[in-house]
Amino acid sequence: MKPHNDFTPAAGDRVIYLAGGCFWGTEKLFSELDGVTDTTVGYANGTVDNPTYELVCTNTTGYKETVRVEYDPDKTNLETILGAYFTVIDPTVKNQQGNDHGSQYQTGVYYTDEDSHKIAEQFFNQEKKKTDPFYVELEPLVNFWEAEESHQDYLQKHPNGYCHISDQEIEEAKAVKLDSFSYVNPDDETLRKELSSLSYDVTQLEGTEPAFSSEYWNSTADGIYVDIITGEPLFSSKDKYESSCGWPSFDKGIVSDDQFNLKTDYKIGYARTEVQSSAGNHLGHRFDNDPESPNGTRYCIDGAALKFIPYEEMDAQGYGDYKQYVK
């Protein structure tokens, strides 16, 4: 066997590596998805060369039973593939899926390019809101060794063989069709060119602009505030209120508070709730029990992370559907 770290998909295809428990059943599922052009089972992200099935089963190698999924982006997308994946796995358990126990059954998504990383990270952020605990790994692919030929297409060769995924779960996963994420950051080089140094520092390095410095901190104009990088709608002027803190303050998100990624931040010595856009860009912090807020919640947001779209320009800039949240 040879490692396939340098695997190149067929022209135009993309690739992702998925560990979802026993790779016999995981391969069966993904081989049946529309747009998937090839699947190969193997062992990912372990510590020894030339792993065998028997060695991986000793729980000493760090390898996970993994399927390399090659797909045609003109016929499917990574979001749909990940949606199918999360339909059949249990993200709340570690080193286990179904009746199978051991480190080789740890779930994980392993990427080989930054675009896949960004999409998977956004997807994971949404999935983490649905369940706790959450143990699915998201890591770059370190290594991948193809498994023995006897394990390739195992359930095609043995239709009555063991499969930890039920036929019903496979049918449900095959029915998943998801749109591509609209809000994905460009690469870092582009960000550095397009953003001011302050906006880059705030959104990418979790910096903070000086209080009372943003043109938006006390603005009362009608319109919406969007992610300065991706254009994702974040806040409405309708939910903006006058705050003495010196930063733009809102009592809720434009559609739902679920649209934000919330993380615990200890940068200044105590716990705060960091607010990120769906693309992972730092926006500011959320505070509860704010006496100035109409509902007690304050989204304290750096103006350098925002772009304002005036109400009268929302149609022309493609935000007409959001006018209902302003007036």
Protein backbone atom coordinates (compact mmCIF):
# COMPACT_ATOMS: atom_id res chain seq x y z
CA MET A 1 0.00 0.00 0.00
CA LYS A 2 1.09 3.57 -0.61
CA PRO A 3 0.08 6.79 1.10
CA HIS A 4 -2.09 9.06 -1.02
CA ASN A 5 -1.38 12.48 0.45
CA ASP A 6 -0.78 13.78 -3.07
CA PHE A 7 -3.94 12.28 -4.56
CA THR A 8 -5.21 14.31 -7.52
CA PRO A 9 -8.92 14.01 -8.39
CA ALA A 10 -10.08 13.65 -11.97
CA ALA A 11 -10.17 16.89 -13.92
CA GLY A 12 -12.74 19.23 -12.40
CA ASP A 13 -13.57 16.97 -9.45
CA ARG A 14 -13.13 17.78 -5.74
CA VAL A 15 -12.25 15.51 -2.83
CA ILE A 16 -13.05 15.23 0.87
CA TYR A 17 -12.16 12.55 3.44
CA LEU A 18 -14.89 11.35 5.80
CA ALA A 19 -14.57 9.10 8.85
CA GLY A 20 -18.00 7.88 9.89
CA GLY A 21 -17.48 4.64 11.77
CA CYS A 22 -17.02 1.33 9.94
CA PHE A 23 -15.88 2.28 6.46
CA TRP A 24 -17.86 -0.51 4.80
CA GLY A 25 -21.16 1.23 5.49
CA THR A 26 -19.80 4.75 5.07
CA GLU A 27 -18.49 3.89 1.60
CA LYS A 28 -21.79 2.26 0.64
CA LEU A 29 -23.64 5.47 1.47
CA PHE A 30 -21.35 7.87 -0.37
CA SER A 31 -20.96 5.64 -3.40
CA GLU A 32 -24.72 5.97 -3.92
CA LEU A 33 -24.93 9.77 -3.66
CA ASP A 34 -25.66 11.76 -6.81
CA GLY A 35 -22.54 13.54 -8.03
CA VAL A 36 -20.04 11.29 -6.25
CA THR A 37 -17.66 9.92 -8.89
CA ASP A 38 -15.42 7.63 -6.83
CA THR A 39 -14.94 6.30 -3.30
CA THR A 40 -11.94 4.60 -1.68
CA VAL A 41 -11.69 3.28 1.87
CA GLY A 42 -8.55 3.69 3.90
CA TYR A 43 -6.92 4.91 7.09
CA ALA A 44 -6.46 8.63 7.82
CA ASN A 45 -4.33 10.74 10.14
CA GLY A 46 -2.38 8.11 12.01
CA THR A 47 1.17 7.74 13.23
CA VAL A 48 2.70 4.70 11.49
CA ASP A 49 3.51 3.80 7.90
CA ASN A 50 1.85 0.95 6.01
CA PRO A 51 -1.00 0.39 8.48
CA THR A 52 -3.02 -2.81 8.13
CA TYR A 53 -6.59 -3.42 9.16
CA GLU A 54 -5.42 -5.64 11.99
CA LEU A 55 -2.94 -3.03 13.24
CA VAL A 56 -5.49 -0.19 13.08
CA CYS A 57 -7.88 -2.30 15.15
CA THR A 58 -5.38 -2.39 18.03
CA ASN A 59 -6.22 1.26 18.92
CA THR A 60 -2.52 2.16 18.91
CA THR A 61 -2.06 3.92 15.57
CA GLY A 62 -4.38 6.92 15.71
CA TYR A 63 -5.85 6.01 12.32
CA LYS A 64 -9.54 6.39 11.60
CA GLU A 65 -11.44 4.23 9.13
CA THR A 66 -12.05 6.83 6.43
CA VAL A 67 -13.57 7.13 2.98
CA ARG A 68 -12.03 9.32 0.31
CA VAL A 69 -14.99 10.83 -1.52
CA GLU A 70 -14.39 12.31 -4.97
CA TYR A 71 -17.25 14.35 -6.38
CA ASP A 72 -18.25 16.46 -9.37
CA PRO A 73 -18.99 20.02 -8.17
CA ASP A 74 -21.27 20.56 -11.19
CA LYS A 75 -23.58 17.83 -9.87
CA THR A 76 -23.31 18.18 -6.10
CA ASN A 77 -21.52 20.26 -3.48
CA LEU A 78 -19.67 19.77 -0.23
CA GLU A 79 -22.61 21.10 1.79
CA THR A 80 -24.85 18.29 0.46
CA ILE A 81 -22.18 15.68 1.13
CA LEU A 82 -21.71 16.93 4.70
CA GLY A 83 -25.48 17.05 5.16
CA ALA A 84 -25.68 13.37 4.18
CA TYR A 85 -22.75 12.59 6.48
CA PHE A 86 -24.36 14.21 9.53
CA THR A 87 -27.62 12.40 8.77
CA VAL A 88 -26.01 9.03 9.50
CA ILE A 89 -23.44 9.72 12.24
CA ASP A 90 -23.88 10.31 15.96
CA PRO A 91 -21.74 13.38 16.77
CA THR A 92 -22.27 13.04 20.53
CA VAL A 93 -20.03 9.99 21.00
CA LYS A 94 -16.26 9.63 20.86
CA ASN A 95 -14.41 6.65 19.36
CA GLN A 96 -17.69 4.94 18.57
CA GLN A 97 -20.42 4.63 15.98
CA GLY A 98 -23.30 2.22 16.35
CA ASN A 99 -22.13 -0.97 18.03
CA ASP A 100 -18.51 -0.40 17.00
CA HIS A 101 -16.08 0.86 19.64
CA GLY A 102 -12.47 1.92 19.25
CA SER A 103 -10.37 4.88 18.14
CA GLN A 104 -10.58 3.71 14.51
CA TYR A 105 -14.30 4.54 14.61
CA GLN A 106 -13.80 8.18 15.63
CA THR A 107 -15.78 10.49 13.36
CA GLY A 108 -13.99 13.21 11.43
CA VAL A 109 -13.86 15.34 8.31
CA TYR A 110 -10.39 15.81 6.82
CA TYR A 111 -9.77 18.41 4.13
CA THR A 112 -6.99 19.03 1.62
CA ASP A 113 -7.71 22.60 0.52
CA GLU A 114 -8.68 25.85 2.17
CA ASP A 115 -12.00 26.24 0.35
CA SER A 116 -13.18 22.89 1.71
CA HIS A 117 -11.92 23.90 5.15
CA LYS A 118 -13.96 27.11 5.15
CA ILE A 119 -17.14 25.40 3.99
CA ALA A 120 -16.74 22.54 6.47
CA GLU A 121 -16.02 24.97 9.30
CA GLN A 122 -19.22 26.89 8.58
CA PHE A 123 -21.14 23.63 8.44
CA PHE A 124 -19.63 22.45 11.74
CA ASN A 125 -20.51 25.75 13.40
CA GLN A 126 -24.14 25.17 12.51
CA GLU A 127 -24.11 21.52 13.61
CA LYS A 128 -22.55 22.40 16.96
CA LYS A 129 -25.60 24.51 17.74
CA LYS A 130 -27.80 21.42 17.45
CA THR A 131 -26.09 19.08 19.89
CA ASP A 132 -23.88 18.95 22.96
CA PRO A 133 -21.44 17.29 23.38
CA PHE A 134 -19.96 17.37 19.87
CA TYR A 135 -16.96 15.17 19.12
CA VAL A 136 -16.58 15.17 15.33
CA GLU A 137 -13.05 16.11 14.28
CA LEU A 138 -12.36 18.74 11.63
CA GLU A 139 -8.71 18.66 10.63
CA PRO A 140 -6.43 18.89 7.61
CA LEU A 141 -5.56 15.54 6.07
CA VAL A 142 -2.14 14.51 7.35
CA ASN A 143 -1.95 11.12 5.66
CA PHE A 144 -4.22 8.55 4.05
CA TRP A 145 -3.36 4.95 3.27
CA GLU A 146 -5.67 2.94 1.06
CA ALA A 147 -7.08 -0.12 2.82
CA GLU A 148 -6.60 -3.66 1.59
CA GLU A 149 -8.46 -4.62 -1.59
CA SER A 150 -10.75 -6.93 0.40
CA HIS A 151 -12.22 -3.85 2.10
CA GLN A 152 -12.83 -1.83 -1.08
CA ASP A 153 -16.52 -1.84 -2.10
CA TYR A 154 -17.06 -4.44 0.60
CA LEU A 155 -20.85 -4.28 0.64
CA GLN A 156 -21.02 -4.54 -3.14
CA LYS A 157 -19.06 -7.75 -2.88
CA HIS A 158 -21.01 -8.91 0.18
CA PRO A 159 -24.56 -7.45 -0.07
CA ASN A 160 -25.61 -9.11 3.18
CA GLY A 161 -22.47 -8.04 5.04
CA TYR A 162 -22.36 -5.95 8.21
CA CYS A 163 -23.41 -2.32 7.87
CA HIS A 164 -23.84 -0.01 10.86
CA ILE A 165 -26.00 2.37 8.78
CA SER A 166 -29.58 1.25 8.19
CA ASP A 167 -31.19 1.24 4.75
CA GLN A 168 -33.63 3.89 6.00
CA GLU A 169 -30.78 6.16 7.11
CA ILE A 170 -29.07 5.74 3.75
CA GLU A 171 -32.27 6.71 1.91
CA GLU A 172 -32.70 9.75 4.16
CA ALA A 173 -29.09 10.79 3.55
CA LYS A 174 -29.45 10.37 -0.22
CA ALA A 175 -32.43 12.75 -0.14
CA VAL A 176 -30.36 15.60 1.34
CA LYS A 177 -29.88 18.50 -1.08
CA LEU A 178 -28.33 21.67 0.29
CA ASP A 179 -27.49 24.99 -1.30
CA SER A 180 -23.92 26.19 -1.30
CA PHE A 181 -23.02 28.58 1.48
CA SER A 182 -23.28 32.14 0.25
CA TYR A 183 -20.94 33.59 2.82
CA VAL A 184 -17.36 32.35 2.48
CA ASN A 185 -14.26 34.49 2.98
CA PRO A 186 -11.72 34.95 0.21
CA ASP A 187 -8.12 33.91 0.89
CA ASP A 188 -5.98 35.80 3.39
CA GLU A 189 -3.96 37.61 0.72
CA THR A 190 -7.16 39.02 -0.77
CA LEU A 191 -8.44 40.03 2.65
CA ARG A 192 -5.28 41.96 3.40
CA LYS A 193 -5.57 43.81 0.10
CA GLU A 194 -9.27 44.62 0.32
CA LEU A 195 -9.68 45.47 4.01
CA SER A 196 -8.33 48.42 5.95
CA SER A 197 -5.75 47.47 8.55
CA LEU A 198 -8.32 48.11 11.27
CA SER A 199 -11.00 45.95 9.65
CA TYR A 200 -8.50 43.16 9.11
CA ASP A 201 -7.35 43.37 12.73
CA VAL A 202 -10.92 43.30 14.03
CA THR A 203 -12.39 40.60 11.82
CA GLN A 204 -9.41 38.25 11.51
CA LEU A 205 -7.38 38.86 14.66
CA GLU A 206 -10.21 39.61 17.12
CA GLY A 207 -9.05 43.18 17.62
CA THR A 208 -11.19 46.00 18.98
CA GLU A 209 -11.62 49.47 17.57
CA PRO A 210 -11.49 52.46 19.97
CA ALA A 211 -14.82 53.38 21.53
CA PHE A 212 -16.72 56.22 19.84
CA SER A 213 -14.47 55.95 16.76
CA SER A 214 -16.84 54.26 14.30
CA GLU A 215 -19.09 56.26 12.03
CA TYR A 216 -21.82 53.79 12.97
CA TRP A 217 -21.70 53.97 16.75
CA ASN A 218 -24.49 56.54 17.06
CA SER A 219 -25.98 56.40 13.56
CA THR A 220 -29.78 56.32 13.34
CA ALA A 221 -30.16 55.95 9.55
CA ASP A 222 -32.57 53.30 8.27
CA GLY A 223 -30.98 50.26 6.68
CA ILE A 224 -29.10 47.08 7.46
CA TYR A 225 -25.61 46.25 8.63
CA VAL A 226 -23.81 43.43 6.81
CA ASP A 227 -20.53 41.56 7.24
CA ILE A 228 -17.93 43.85 5.66
CA ILE A 229 -16.26 40.82 4.02
CA THR A 230 -19.04 38.49 2.86
CA GLY A 231 -22.05 40.80 2.77
CA GLU A 232 -24.05 38.55 5.08
CA PRO A 233 -26.99 40.53 6.59
CA LEU A 234 -26.37 40.82 10.34
CA PHE A 235 -28.35 43.61 11.99
CA SER A 236 -31.19 46.02 11.25
CA SER A 237 -31.28 49.68 12.17
CA LYS A 238 -34.68 48.86 13.69
CA ASP A 239 -32.89 46.83 16.40
CA LYS A 240 -30.11 49.35 16.98
CA TYR A 241 -30.33 51.40 20.17
CA GLU A 242 -28.49 54.27 21.79
CA SER A 243 -25.78 52.93 24.07
CA SER A 244 -23.23 54.76 26.18
CA CYS A 245 -20.57 52.10 25.52
CA GLY A 246 -19.31 53.82 22.35
CA TRP A 247 -19.79 50.91 19.94
CA PRO A 248 -22.73 50.12 17.63
CA SER A 249 -25.21 48.21 19.78
CA PHE A 250 -28.13 45.98 18.76
CA ASP A 251 -30.58 43.97 20.83
CA LYS A 252 -30.85 41.06 18.33
CA GLY A 253 -29.77 39.75 14.95
CA ILE A 254 -31.63 40.74 11.82
CA VAL A 255 -33.34 37.35 11.32
CA SER A 256 -32.38 35.17 14.27
CA ASP A 257 -29.73 35.05 16.94
CA ASP A 258 -29.00 31.53 15.67
CA GLN A 259 -27.26 33.04 12.64
CA PHE A 260 -24.22 33.96 14.75
CA ASN A 261 -21.38 31.75 15.88
CA LEU A 262 -20.95 32.32 19.61
CA LYS A 263 -17.74 31.38 21.40
CA THR A 264 -16.40 31.87 24.92
CA ASP A 265 -13.56 34.40 24.98
CA TYR A 266 -11.11 34.77 27.89
CA LYS A 267 -8.78 37.31 26.25
CA ILE A 268 -9.16 39.92 29.00
CA GLY A 269 -9.10 37.51 31.93
CA TYR A 270 -12.77 36.63 32.30
CA ALA A 271 -15.38 34.93 30.18
CA ARG A 272 -17.15 36.92 27.47
CA THR A 273 -19.30 35.73 24.58
CA GLU A 274 -17.60 36.43 21.27
CA VAL A 275 -19.87 37.02 18.27
CA GLN A 276 -18.81 35.80 14.83
CA SER A 277 -20.55 35.92 11.47
CA SER A 278 -21.34 32.59 9.77
CA ALA A 279 -18.03 32.84 7.88
CA GLY A 280 -16.18 33.01 11.22
CA ASN A 281 -15.37 36.72 11.11
CA HIS A 282 -15.08 38.41 14.51
CA LEU A 283 -17.80 41.02 15.03
CA GLY A 284 -17.68 41.88 18.73
CA HIS A 285 -19.28 40.50 21.89
CA ARG A 286 -22.72 39.80 23.32
CA PHE A 287 -23.66 40.86 26.84
CA ASP A 288 -26.76 40.02 28.85
CA ASN A 289 -28.61 42.12 31.43
CA ASP A 290 -27.68 45.41 29.76
CA PRO A 291 -29.92 48.06 31.39
CA GLU A 292 -29.84 50.23 28.25
CA SER A 293 -31.04 47.44 25.94
CA PRO A 294 -34.79 47.13 25.27
CA ASN A 295 -34.62 43.38 25.96
CA GLY A 296 -31.49 43.19 28.12
CA THR A 297 -29.26 41.83 25.35
CA ARG A 298 -26.48 43.92 23.85
CA TYR A 299 -24.61 42.91 20.74
CA CYS A 300 -21.61 45.21 21.12
CA ILE A 301 -20.23 45.27 17.58
CA ASP A 302 -17.13 46.83 16.04
CA GLY A 303 -18.10 49.17 13.25
CA ALA A 304 -14.94 48.10 11.39
CA ALA A 305 -16.56 44.65 10.94
CA LEU A 306 -19.68 46.13 9.33
CA LYS A 307 -20.86 47.72 6.12
CA PHE A 308 -24.06 49.78 6.17
CA ILE A 309 -26.63 49.42 3.38
CA PRO A 310 -29.08 52.39 3.39
CA TYR A 311 -32.75 51.44 3.14
CA GLU A 312 -33.20 53.21 -0.18
CA GLU A 313 -30.31 51.24 -1.70
CA MET A 314 -31.28 47.79 -0.44
CA ASP A 315 -33.13 46.73 -3.59
CA ALA A 316 -30.33 47.82 -5.89
CA GLN A 317 -27.71 46.00 -3.78
CA GLY A 318 -29.68 42.74 -3.63
CA TYR A 319 -31.09 43.05 -0.12
CA GLY A 320 -34.71 43.80 -1.01
CA ASP A 321 -35.99 40.73 0.86
CA TYR A 322 -34.61 42.21 4.08
CA LYS A 323 -36.54 45.47 3.88
CA GLN A 324 -39.28 43.84 5.98
CA TYR A 325 -36.85 43.79 8.91
CA VAL A 326 -36.24 47.53 8.71
CA LYS A 327 -39.71 48.99 8.24
